[in-house]
């Protein structure tokens, strides 16, 4: 009889621990701000589209890399 009581208490303890862990994870997920979509821009040199945050901006033009920025300023074609 004592073994059954200990088994039931162990199962209840495991359930309680998992439930509190689940609540903590859910709370963290609900607090994380949802990142909205980012604007896409076109490289002035090669025409590749990339997120604005990953681009280089010079004098209102967007570039996918520093090499393309230099090449575009030098007048080279892609």
Protein backbone atom coordinates (compact mmCIF):
# COMPACT_ATOMS: atom_id res chain seq x y z
CA UNK A 1 0.00 0.00 0.00
CA UNK A 2 2.86 2.39 0.83
CA UNK A 3 4.40 1.76 -2.61
CA UNK A 4 1.19 2.78 -4.35
CA UNK A 5 0.95 5.98 -2.31
CA UNK A 6 4.59 6.85 -3.11
CA UNK A 7 3.97 6.14 -6.80
CA UNK A 8 0.89 8.41 -6.84
CA UNK A 9 2.82 11.16 -5.02
CA UNK A 10 5.67 10.83 -7.53
CA UNK A 11 3.30 11.12 -10.48
CA UNK A 12 1.62 14.17 -8.92
CA UNK A 13 5.02 15.79 -8.26
CA UNK A 14 6.11 15.19 -11.87
CA UNK A 15 2.80 16.62 -13.14
CA UNK A 16 3.20 19.71 -10.95
CA UNK A 17 6.80 20.30 -12.13
CA UNK A 18 5.89 19.91 -15.80
CA UNK A 19 2.86 22.17 -15.44
CA UNK A 20 4.91 24.98 -13.84
CA UNK A 21 7.60 24.58 -16.53
CA UNK A 22 4.96 24.82 -19.27
CA UNK A 23 3.52 27.99 -17.73
CA UNK A 24 6.98 29.57 -17.61
CA UNK A 25 7.66 28.72 -21.28
CA UNK A 26 4.25 30.05 -22.37
CA UNK A 27 4.83 33.27 -20.46
CA UNK A 28 8.20 33.82 -22.18
CA UNK A 29 6.69 33.24 -25.62
CA UNK A 30 3.86 35.69 -25.01
CA UNK A 31 6.30 38.40 -23.86
CA UNK A 32 8.55 38.13 -26.93
CA UNK A 33 7.67 40.85 -29.40
CA UNK A 34 6.68 39.60 -32.81
CA UNK A 35 9.07 40.82 -35.46
CA UNK A 36 7.18 42.32 -38.33
CA UNK A 37 8.12 41.92 -41.98
CA UNK A 38 11.11 43.91 -43.14
CA UNK A 39 11.16 46.03 -46.30
CA UNK A 40 13.00 44.55 -49.26
CA UNK A 41 15.35 46.73 -51.31
CA UNK A 42 17.10 46.22 -54.64
CA UNK A 43 20.87 46.40 -55.08
CA UNK A 44 21.65 49.33 -57.39
CA UNK A 45 24.50 47.36 -58.99
CA UNK A 46 23.29 43.78 -59.55
CA UNK A 47 19.54 44.01 -58.91
CA UNK A 48 19.37 41.39 -56.15
CA UNK A 49 16.59 41.96 -53.61
CA UNK A 50 17.55 41.76 -49.93
CA UNK A 51 16.16 42.92 -46.55
CA UNK A 52 16.81 46.59 -45.81
CA UNK A 53 18.63 45.66 -42.59
CA UNK A 54 21.21 43.60 -44.49
CA UNK A 55 21.89 46.20 -47.18
CA UNK A 56 24.45 48.98 -47.36
CA UNK A 57 23.02 52.44 -48.01
CA UNK A 58 25.00 55.18 -49.72
CA UNK A 59 23.46 58.43 -50.95
CA UNK A 60 19.98 56.88 -51.10
CA UNK A 61 21.06 53.78 -53.06
CA UNK A 62 21.10 50.27 -51.64
CA UNK A 63 23.84 47.69 -52.23
CA UNK A 64 24.13 44.00 -51.32
CA UNK A 65 27.89 44.22 -50.56
CA UNK A 66 30.72 46.71 -50.21
CA UNK A 67 32.24 45.36 -53.45
CA UNK A 68 29.09 46.23 -55.39
CA UNK A 69 29.00 49.68 -53.83
CA UNK A 70 32.60 50.34 -54.94
CA UNK A 71 31.97 48.86 -58.40
CA UNK A 72 28.85 50.95 -58.90
CA UNK A 73 30.66 54.14 -57.89
CA UNK A 74 33.51 53.24 -60.27
CA UNK A 75 30.99 52.78 -63.11
CA UNK A 76 31.52 49.05 -63.66
CA UNK A 77 28.67 46.89 -64.94
CA UNK A 78 27.40 43.76 -63.19
